[in-house]
Amino acid sequence: MEIASQDNEEFPDVIIKLEQEEEEPCHLRLHGSGTFPGTSSGFSDVVIKEEDEEELCVLDQEGSEEGGHLADEQSEKPNEKTCPVVLQMEDKKRRVSYEARFKQKVILYAEAHGNRQAARQFNIPESNVRLWRQHKLALFSTTVARKKFTGPQKGRHPDVDQEVLKFIWERRNNGLPVTSDSIRNKASEVAAALSIPRQVFKASRGWVDRFMKRMGVSLRQRKTLC
């Protein structure tokens, strides 16, 4: 044990140092501004870092980050969650509307040469050809200038609807007129053939209106000049 002293002077404080013990240097964390005793730098708060403490990231006087390797790694490695990602969106394909006249030509060509050949011939997706062929009866029954067509919707008696729609298509192909009364009579005839009771199905004028709306059928036909 060593005792620090000077001659002819009285020391109120005595510093004792053990030979076998060495004091670990304190790591100081400096925050804010102020004056630390014995230095010219301005600091107000002094934080002693313990051995078990994790190294944290603090701000110095100029506002830059300090904290050793942790801050360096975070600054060098970008955060995947916060980094902006620029996505290049492909231009959306424009939807093209086709008239019923064009769809009828495609259907007739596909029946003779196949769906794939028709798609190549008219430069359209093959899925359109398949869809239009499924709605063939409704497409040939509607006006040729009609563009929007979502396909026939199912009613309570789809078998009656299909037979009546076929009836309308055949009459128009033969150049015969189609009236509301002829549709009602055909619907009643089909219902009787299918053994549907009159209490269950009645071919009223309201049913005819709903049927034409479901199937996209119009009783008015535009006359075309050759």
C-alpha atoms as a PDB file:
ATOM      1  CA  MET A   1       0.000   0.000   0.000  1.00  0.00           C
ATOM      2  CA  GLU A   2       1.329   3.379  -0.974  1.00  0.00           C
ATOM      3  CA  ILE A   3       0.480   6.684   0.693  1.00  0.00           C
ATOM      4  CA  ALA A   4       0.846   9.899  -1.314  1.00  0.00           C
ATOM      5  CA  SER A   5       2.132  12.841   0.783  1.00  0.00           C
ATOM      6  CA  GLN A   6       4.307  15.974   0.571  1.00  0.00           C
ATOM      7  CA  ASP A   7       6.666  17.538   3.153  1.00  0.00           C
ATOM      8  CA  ASN A   8       5.391  20.223   5.559  1.00  0.00           C
ATOM      9  CA  GLU A   9       1.918  20.173   4.065  1.00  0.00           C
ATOM     10  CA  GLU A  10      -1.271  18.875   5.476  1.00  0.00           C
ATOM     11  CA  PHE A  11      -3.442  16.864   3.112  1.00  0.00           C
ATOM     12  CA  PRO A  12      -7.093  16.364   3.963  1.00  0.00           C
ATOM     13  CA  ASP A  13      -7.426  13.732   1.287  1.00  0.00           C
ATOM     14  CA  VAL A  14      -5.232  10.673   1.030  1.00  0.00           C
ATOM     15  CA  ILE A  15      -5.252   8.536  -2.102  1.00  0.00           C
ATOM     16  CA  ILE A  16      -4.653   4.873  -1.361  1.00  0.00           C
ATOM     17  CA  LYS A  17      -3.892   2.465  -4.177  1.00  0.00           C
ATOM     18  CA  LEU A  18      -3.628  -1.292  -3.819  1.00  0.00           C
ATOM     19  CA  GLU A  19      -0.790  -2.927  -5.703  1.00  0.00           C
ATOM     20  CA  GLN A  20      -2.794  -5.973  -6.713  1.00  0.00           C
ATOM     21  CA  GLU A  21      -5.865  -4.088  -7.877  1.00  0.00           C
ATOM     22  CA  GLU A  22      -6.092  -2.050 -10.986  1.00  0.00           C
ATOM     23  CA  GLU A  23      -8.899   0.296 -11.649  1.00  0.00           C
ATOM     24  CA  GLU A  24     -10.724  -0.248 -14.874  1.00  0.00           C
ATOM     25  CA  PRO A  25     -10.940   2.866 -17.005  1.00  0.00           C
ATOM     26  CA  CYS A  26     -14.390   4.351 -17.153  1.00  0.00           C
ATOM     27  CA  HIS A  27     -15.988   4.900 -20.508  1.00  0.00           C
ATOM     28  CA  LEU A  28     -17.760   8.200 -20.506  1.00  0.00           C
ATOM     29  CA  ARG A  29     -20.864   8.992 -22.484  1.00  0.00           C
ATOM     30  CA  LEU A  30     -21.299  12.685 -23.091  1.00  0.00           C
ATOM     31  CA  HIS A  31     -24.637  14.282 -23.746  1.00  0.00           C
ATOM     32  CA  GLY A  32     -25.768  17.824 -24.208  1.00  0.00           C
ATOM     33  CA  SER A  33     -23.646  20.876 -23.546  1.00  0.00           C
ATOM     34  CA  GLY A  34     -21.950  22.384 -20.498  1.00  0.00           C
ATOM     35  CA  THR A  35     -18.532  22.450 -18.866  1.00  0.00           C
ATOM     36  CA  PHE A  36     -16.804  19.351 -17.575  1.00  0.00           C
ATOM     37  CA  PRO A  37     -14.304  20.050 -14.776  1.00  0.00           C
ATOM     38  CA  GLY A  38     -10.745  20.001 -16.009  1.00  0.00           C
ATOM     39  CA  THR A  39     -11.596  20.164 -19.718  1.00  0.00           C
ATOM     40  CA  SER A  40     -12.356  22.873 -22.200  1.00  0.00           C
ATOM     41  CA  SER A  41     -15.067  20.901 -23.923  1.00  0.00           C
ATOM     42  CA  GLY A  42     -18.582  21.707 -22.959  1.00  0.00           C
ATOM     43  CA  PHE A  43     -20.619  18.798 -21.541  1.00  0.00           C
ATOM     44  CA  SER A  44     -23.226  18.791 -18.828  1.00  0.00           C
ATOM     45  CA  ASP A  45     -24.020  15.104 -18.338  1.00  0.00           C
ATOM     46  CA  VAL A  46     -21.533  12.303 -17.789  1.00  0.00           C
ATOM     47  CA  VAL A  47     -22.657   8.700 -18.051  1.00  0.00           C
ATOM     48  CA  ILE A  48     -20.358   5.932 -16.793  1.00  0.00           C
ATOM     49  CA  LYS A  49     -20.609   2.815 -18.912  1.00  0.00           C
ATOM     50  CA  GLU A  50     -20.828  -0.410 -16.955  1.00  0.00           C
ATOM     51  CA  GLU A  51     -19.263  -3.628 -18.229  1.00  0.00           C
ATOM     52  CA  ASP A  52     -22.637  -5.372 -18.606  1.00  0.00           C
ATOM     53  CA  GLU A  53     -24.295  -2.540 -20.514  1.00  0.00           C
ATOM     54  CA  GLU A  54     -24.854  -2.861 -24.213  1.00  0.00           C
ATOM     55  CA  GLU A  55     -23.290  -0.217 -26.340  1.00  0.00           C
ATOM     56  CA  LEU A  56     -25.929   2.273 -27.347  1.00  0.00           C
ATOM     57  CA  CYS A  57     -26.056   4.833 -30.084  1.00  0.00           C
ATOM     58  CA  VAL A  58     -25.923   8.429 -28.750  1.00  0.00           C
ATOM     59  CA  LEU A  59     -25.609  11.856 -30.290  1.00  0.00           C
ATOM     60  CA  ASP A  60     -22.567  14.071 -29.903  1.00  0.00           C
ATOM     61  CA  GLN A  61     -22.576  17.852 -29.884  1.00  0.00           C
ATOM     62  CA  GLU A  62     -22.914  18.115 -33.655  1.00  0.00           C
ATOM     63  CA  GLY A  63     -25.817  15.690 -33.773  1.00  0.00           C
ATOM     64  CA  SER A  64     -23.960  12.821 -35.441  1.00  0.00           C
ATOM     65  CA  GLU A  65     -24.393   9.220 -34.313  1.00  0.00           C
ATOM     66  CA  GLU A  66     -21.829   7.538 -32.104  1.00  0.00           C
ATOM     67  CA  GLY A  67     -21.810   4.134 -30.565  1.00  0.00           C
ATOM     68  CA  GLY A  68     -19.068   2.114 -32.132  1.00  0.00           C
ATOM     69  CA  HIS A  69     -19.627  -0.820 -34.412  1.00  0.00           C
ATOM     70  CA  LEU A  70     -23.392  -0.956 -33.919  1.00  0.00           C
ATOM     71  CA  ALA A  71     -23.948   2.438 -35.468  1.00  0.00           C
ATOM     72  CA  ASP A  72     -21.459   1.717 -38.245  1.00  0.00           C
ATOM     73  CA  GLU A  73     -23.162  -1.541 -39.178  1.00  0.00           C
ATOM     74  CA  GLN A  74     -26.576   0.073 -39.197  1.00  0.00           C
ATOM     75  CA  SER A  75     -25.353   2.934 -41.364  1.00  0.00           C
ATOM     76  CA  GLU A  76     -23.581   0.629 -43.813  1.00  0.00           C
ATOM     77  CA  LYS A  77     -26.375  -1.950 -44.075  1.00  0.00           C
ATOM     78  CA  PRO A  78     -29.666  -0.456 -45.304  1.00  0.00           C
ATOM     79  CA  ASN A  79     -32.847  -1.392 -43.566  1.00  0.00           C
ATOM     80  CA  GLU A  80     -34.954  -3.514 -45.864  1.00  0.00           C
ATOM     81  CA  LYS A  81     -38.171  -2.458 -44.145  1.00  0.00           C
ATOM     82  CA  THR A  82     -37.586   1.287 -44.466  1.00  0.00           C
ATOM     83  CA  CYS A  83     -35.710   1.526 -47.756  1.00  0.00           C
ATOM     84  CA  PRO A  84     -37.962   2.720 -50.559  1.00  0.00           C
ATOM     85  CA  VAL A  85     -38.516   0.255 -53.357  1.00  0.00           C
ATOM     86  CA  VAL A  86     -39.312   1.526 -56.827  1.00  0.00           C
ATOM     87  CA  LEU A  87     -41.583  -0.791 -58.739  1.00  0.00           C
ATOM     88  CA  GLN A  88     -41.996  -0.408 -62.448  1.00  0.00           C
ATOM     89  CA  MET A  89     -45.616  -0.973 -63.303  1.00  0.00           C
ATOM     90  CA  GLU A  90     -46.339  -2.349 -66.697  1.00  0.00           C
ATOM     91  CA  ASP A  91     -48.734  -0.426 -68.840  1.00  0.00           C
ATOM     92  CA  LYS A  92     -52.237  -1.726 -68.395  1.00  0.00           C
ATOM     93  CA  LYS A  93     -53.718  -3.289 -71.476  1.00  0.00           C
ATOM     94  CA  ARG A  94     -56.659  -1.428 -72.881  1.00  0.00           C
ATOM     95  CA  ARG A  95     -59.901  -3.299 -73.029  1.00  0.00           C
ATOM     96  CA  VAL A  96     -61.361  -3.455 -76.497  1.00  0.00           C
ATOM     97  CA  SER A  97     -65.078  -3.649 -77.154  1.00  0.00           C
ATOM     98  CA  TYR A  98     -66.301  -5.631 -80.145  1.00  0.00           C
ATOM     99  CA  GLU A  99     -69.648  -5.399 -81.852  1.00  0.00           C
ATOM    100  CA  ALA A 100     -71.896  -8.412 -82.070  1.00  0.00           C
ATOM    101  CA  ARG A 101     -71.408  -8.387 -85.851  1.00  0.00           C
ATOM    102  CA  PHE A 102     -67.679  -9.000 -85.414  1.00  0.00           C
ATOM    103  CA  LYS A 103     -68.260 -11.716 -82.817  1.00  0.00           C
ATOM    104  CA  GLN A 104     -70.630 -13.508 -85.168  1.00  0.00           C
ATOM    105  CA  LYS A 105     -67.964 -13.580 -87.877  1.00  0.00           C
ATOM    106  CA  VAL A 106     -65.440 -14.987 -85.429  1.00  0.00           C
ATOM    107  CA  ILE A 107     -67.862 -17.693 -84.299  1.00  0.00           C
ATOM    108  CA  LEU A 108     -68.625 -18.801 -87.844  1.00  0.00           C
ATOM    109  CA  TYR A 109     -64.930 -18.860 -88.748  1.00  0.00           C
ATOM    110  CA  ALA A 110     -64.065 -20.815 -85.587  1.00  0.00           C
ATOM    111  CA  GLU A 111     -66.719 -23.417 -86.321  1.00  0.00           C
ATOM    112  CA  ALA A 112     -65.102 -24.049 -89.692  1.00  0.00           C
ATOM    113  CA  HIS A 113     -61.388 -23.739 -88.822  1.00  0.00           C
ATOM    114  CA  GLY A 114     -61.083 -24.047 -85.041  1.00  0.00           C
ATOM    115  CA  ASN A 115     -60.666 -21.628 -82.140  1.00  0.00           C
ATOM    116  CA  ARG A 116     -56.898 -21.199 -82.433  1.00  0.00           C
ATOM    117  CA  GLN A 117     -56.982 -20.437 -86.139  1.00  0.00           C
ATOM    118  CA  ALA A 118     -59.815 -17.956 -85.612  1.00  0.00           C
ATOM    119  CA  ALA A 119     -57.837 -16.174 -82.895  1.00  0.00           C
ATOM    120  CA  ARG A 120     -54.872 -15.819 -85.259  1.00  0.00           C
ATOM    121  CA  GLN A 121     -57.024 -14.739 -88.173  1.00  0.00           C
ATOM    122  CA  PHE A 122     -58.792 -11.941 -86.269  1.00  0.00           C
ATOM    123  CA  ASN A 123     -55.865 -11.144 -83.914  1.00  0.00           C
ATOM    124  CA  ILE A 124     -57.774 -11.727 -80.693  1.00  0.00           C
ATOM    125  CA  PRO A 125     -57.178 -13.937 -77.639  1.00  0.00           C
ATOM    126  CA  GLU A 126     -58.314 -17.515 -77.995  1.00  0.00           C
ATOM    127  CA  SER A 127     -60.216 -17.210 -74.706  1.00  0.00           C
ATOM    128  CA  ASN A 128     -62.510 -14.658 -76.378  1.00  0.00           C
ATOM    129  CA  VAL A 129     -63.311 -17.115 -79.132  1.00  0.00           C
ATOM    130  CA  ARG A 130     -64.258 -19.813 -76.630  1.00  0.00           C
ATOM    131  CA  LEU A 131     -66.403 -17.396 -74.635  1.00  0.00           C
ATOM    132  CA  TRP A 132     -68.234 -16.100 -77.681  1.00  0.00           C
ATOM    133  CA  ARG A 133     -68.958 -19.598 -78.926  1.00  0.00           C
ATOM    134  CA  GLN A 134     -70.501 -20.446 -75.568  1.00  0.00           C
ATOM    135  CA  HIS A 135     -72.825 -17.440 -75.946  1.00  0.00           C
ATOM    136  CA  LYS A 136     -73.555 -18.097 -79.591  1.00  0.00           C
ATOM    137  CA  LEU A 137     -77.332 -18.102 -79.297  1.00  0.00           C
ATOM    138  CA  ALA A 138     -77.452 -14.817 -77.445  1.00  0.00           C
ATOM    139  CA  LEU A 139     -74.964 -13.152 -79.791  1.00  0.00           C
ATOM    140  CA  PHE A 140     -76.890 -14.119 -82.907  1.00  0.00           C
ATOM    141  CA  SER A 141     -80.140 -12.986 -81.314  1.00  0.00           C
ATOM    142  CA  THR A 142     -79.048  -9.512 -80.307  1.00  0.00           C
ATOM    143  CA  THR A 143     -78.519  -6.455 -82.481  1.00  0.00           C
ATOM    144  CA  VAL A 144     -75.369  -6.501 -84.602  1.00  0.00           C
ATOM    145  CA  ALA A 145     -74.164  -3.134 -83.244  1.00  0.00           C
ATOM    146  CA  ARG A 146     -74.362  -4.196 -79.595  1.00  0.00           C
ATOM    147  CA  LYS A 147     -70.952  -4.013 -77.902  1.00  0.00           C
ATOM    148  CA  LYS A 148     -71.410  -4.699 -74.225  1.00  0.00           C
ATOM    149  CA  PHE A 149     -72.478  -8.231 -73.585  1.00  0.00           C
ATOM    150  CA  THR A 150     -71.885 -10.001 -70.284  1.00  0.00           C
ATOM    151  CA  GLY A 151     -73.467 -13.263 -71.384  1.00  0.00           C
ATOM    152  CA  PRO A 152     -76.822 -14.775 -70.532  1.00  0.00           C
ATOM    153  CA  GLN A 153     -77.760 -14.997 -66.892  1.00  0.00           C
ATOM    154  CA  LYS A 154     -79.541 -17.967 -65.428  1.00  0.00           C
ATOM    155  CA  GLY A 155     -83.217 -17.672 -64.657  1.00  0.00           C
ATOM    156  CA  ARG A 156     -85.395 -20.019 -62.678  1.00  0.00           C
ATOM    157  CA  HIS A 157     -85.920 -22.213 -65.732  1.00  0.00           C
ATOM    158  CA  PRO A 158     -82.732 -22.195 -67.832  1.00  0.00           C
ATOM    159  CA  ASP A 159     -84.014 -24.967 -70.119  1.00  0.00           C
ATOM    160  CA  VAL A 160     -86.949 -22.802 -71.146  1.00  0.00           C
ATOM    161  CA  ASP A 161     -84.664 -19.842 -71.724  1.00  0.00           C
ATOM    162  CA  GLN A 162     -82.349 -21.807 -74.002  1.00  0.00           C
ATOM    163  CA  GLU A 163     -85.162 -23.224 -76.120  1.00  0.00           C
ATOM    164  CA  VAL A 164     -86.826 -19.837 -76.509  1.00  0.00           C
ATOM    165  CA  LEU A 165     -83.501 -18.241 -77.382  1.00  0.00           C
ATOM    166  CA  LYS A 166     -82.897 -20.891 -80.014  1.00  0.00           C
ATOM    167  CA  PHE A 167     -86.371 -20.221 -81.378  1.00  0.00           C
ATOM    168  CA  ILE A 168     -85.629 -16.500 -81.737  1.00  0.00           C
ATOM    169  CA  TRP A 169     -82.307 -17.170 -83.449  1.00  0.00           C
ATOM    170  CA  GLU A 170     -83.836 -19.549 -85.979  1.00  0.00           C
ATOM    171  CA  ARG A 171     -86.632 -17.152 -86.887  1.00  0.00           C
ATOM    172  CA  ARG A 172     -84.277 -14.253 -87.401  1.00  0.00           C
ATOM    173  CA  ASN A 173     -81.958 -16.329 -89.554  1.00  0.00           C
ATOM    174  CA  ASN A 174     -84.945 -17.221 -91.710  1.00  0.00           C
ATOM    175  CA  GLY A 175     -85.979 -13.570 -91.947  1.00  0.00           C
ATOM    176  CA  LEU A 176     -89.120 -14.037 -89.872  1.00  0.00           C
ATOM    177  CA  PRO A 177     -90.286 -11.436 -87.367  1.00  0.00           C
ATOM    178  CA  VAL A 178     -90.095 -12.048 -83.633  1.00  0.00           C
ATOM    179  CA  THR A 179     -92.765 -10.550 -81.407  1.00  0.00           C
ATOM    180  CA  SER A 180     -93.481 -10.606 -77.710  1.00  0.00           C
ATOM    181  CA  ASP A 181     -96.531 -12.811 -78.253  1.00  0.00           C
ATOM    182  CA  SER A 182     -94.539 -15.360 -80.261  1.00  0.00           C
ATOM    183  CA  ILE A 183     -91.998 -15.547 -77.434  1.00  0.00           C
ATOM    184  CA  ARG A 184     -94.737 -16.109 -74.863  1.00  0.00           C
ATOM    185  CA  ASN A 185     -96.351 -18.837 -76.931  1.00  0.00           C
ATOM    186  CA  LYS A 186     -93.039 -20.601 -77.467  1.00  0.00           C
ATOM    187  CA  ALA A 187     -92.191 -20.384 -73.759  1.00  0.00           C
ATOM    188  CA  SER A 188     -95.546 -21.897 -72.792  1.00  0.00           C
ATOM    189  CA  GLU A 189     -95.039 -24.670 -75.329  1.00  0.00           C
ATOM    190  CA  VAL A 190     -91.568 -25.492 -74.004  1.00  0.00           C
ATOM    191  CA  ALA A 191     -92.749 -25.439 -70.382  1.00  0.00           C
ATOM    192  CA  ALA A 192     -95.539 -27.876 -71.199  1.00  0.00           C
ATOM    193  CA  ALA A 193     -93.088 -30.169 -72.998  1.00  0.00           C
ATOM    194  CA  LEU A 194     -90.843 -30.142 -69.918  1.00  0.00           C
ATOM    195  CA  SER A 195     -93.814 -30.933 -67.643  1.00  0.00           C
ATOM    196  CA  ILE A 196     -93.515 -27.647 -65.756  1.00  0.00           C
ATOM    197  CA  PRO A 197     -96.845 -26.807 -64.061  1.00  0.00           C
ATOM    198  CA  ARG A 198     -98.519 -23.517 -64.882  1.00  0.00           C
ATOM    199  CA  GLN A 199     -98.514 -22.623 -61.195  1.00  0.00           C
ATOM    200  CA  VAL A 200     -94.722 -22.770 -61.284  1.00  0.00           C
ATOM    201  CA  PHE A 201     -94.071 -21.089 -64.629  1.00  0.00           C
ATOM    202  CA  LYS A 202     -96.208 -18.550 -66.402  1.00  0.00           C
ATOM    203  CA  ALA A 203     -95.106 -16.902 -69.651  1.00  0.00           C
ATOM    204  CA  SER A 204     -96.351 -13.435 -68.805  1.00  0.00           C
ATOM    205  CA  ARG A 205     -95.306 -10.152 -70.365  1.00  0.00           C
ATOM    206  CA  GLY A 206     -93.168  -9.481 -67.313  1.00  0.00           C
ATOM    207  CA  TRP A 207     -91.348 -12.757 -67.870  1.00  0.00           C
ATOM    208  CA  VAL A 208     -90.716 -11.806 -71.516  1.00  0.00           C
ATOM    209  CA  ASP A 209     -89.190  -8.481 -70.438  1.00  0.00           C
ATOM    210  CA  ARG A 210     -86.941 -10.168 -67.879  1.00  0.00           C
ATOM    211  CA  PHE A 211     -85.993 -12.863 -70.384  1.00  0.00           C
ATOM    212  CA  MET A 212     -84.910 -10.341 -73.027  1.00  0.00           C
ATOM    213  CA  LYS A 213     -82.934  -8.421 -70.413  1.00  0.00           C
ATOM    214  CA  ARG A 214     -81.159 -11.563 -69.214  1.00  0.00           C
ATOM    215  CA  MET A 215     -80.279 -12.718 -72.705  1.00  0.00           C
ATOM    216  CA  GLY A 216     -79.542  -9.322 -74.184  1.00  0.00           C
ATOM    217  CA  VAL A 217     -82.277  -9.745 -76.781  1.00  0.00           C
ATOM    218  CA  SER A 218     -84.016  -6.834 -78.428  1.00  0.00           C
ATOM    219  CA  LEU A 219     -87.127  -6.991 -80.564  1.00  0.00           C
ATOM    220  CA  ARG A 220     -85.985  -4.037 -82.597  1.00  0.00           C
ATOM    221  CA  GLN A 221     -83.708  -4.748 -85.547  1.00  0.00           C
ATOM    222  CA  ARG A 222     -81.815  -2.191 -87.536  1.00  0.00           C
ATOM    223  CA  LYS A 223     -82.130  -2.477 -91.255  1.00  0.00           C
ATOM    224  CA  THR A 224     -78.815  -2.420 -93.073  1.00  0.00           C
ATOM    225  CA  LEU A 225     -78.439  -1.161 -96.630  1.00  0.00           C
ATOM    226  CA  CYS A 226     -76.429  -3.369 -98.974  1.00  0.00           C
END
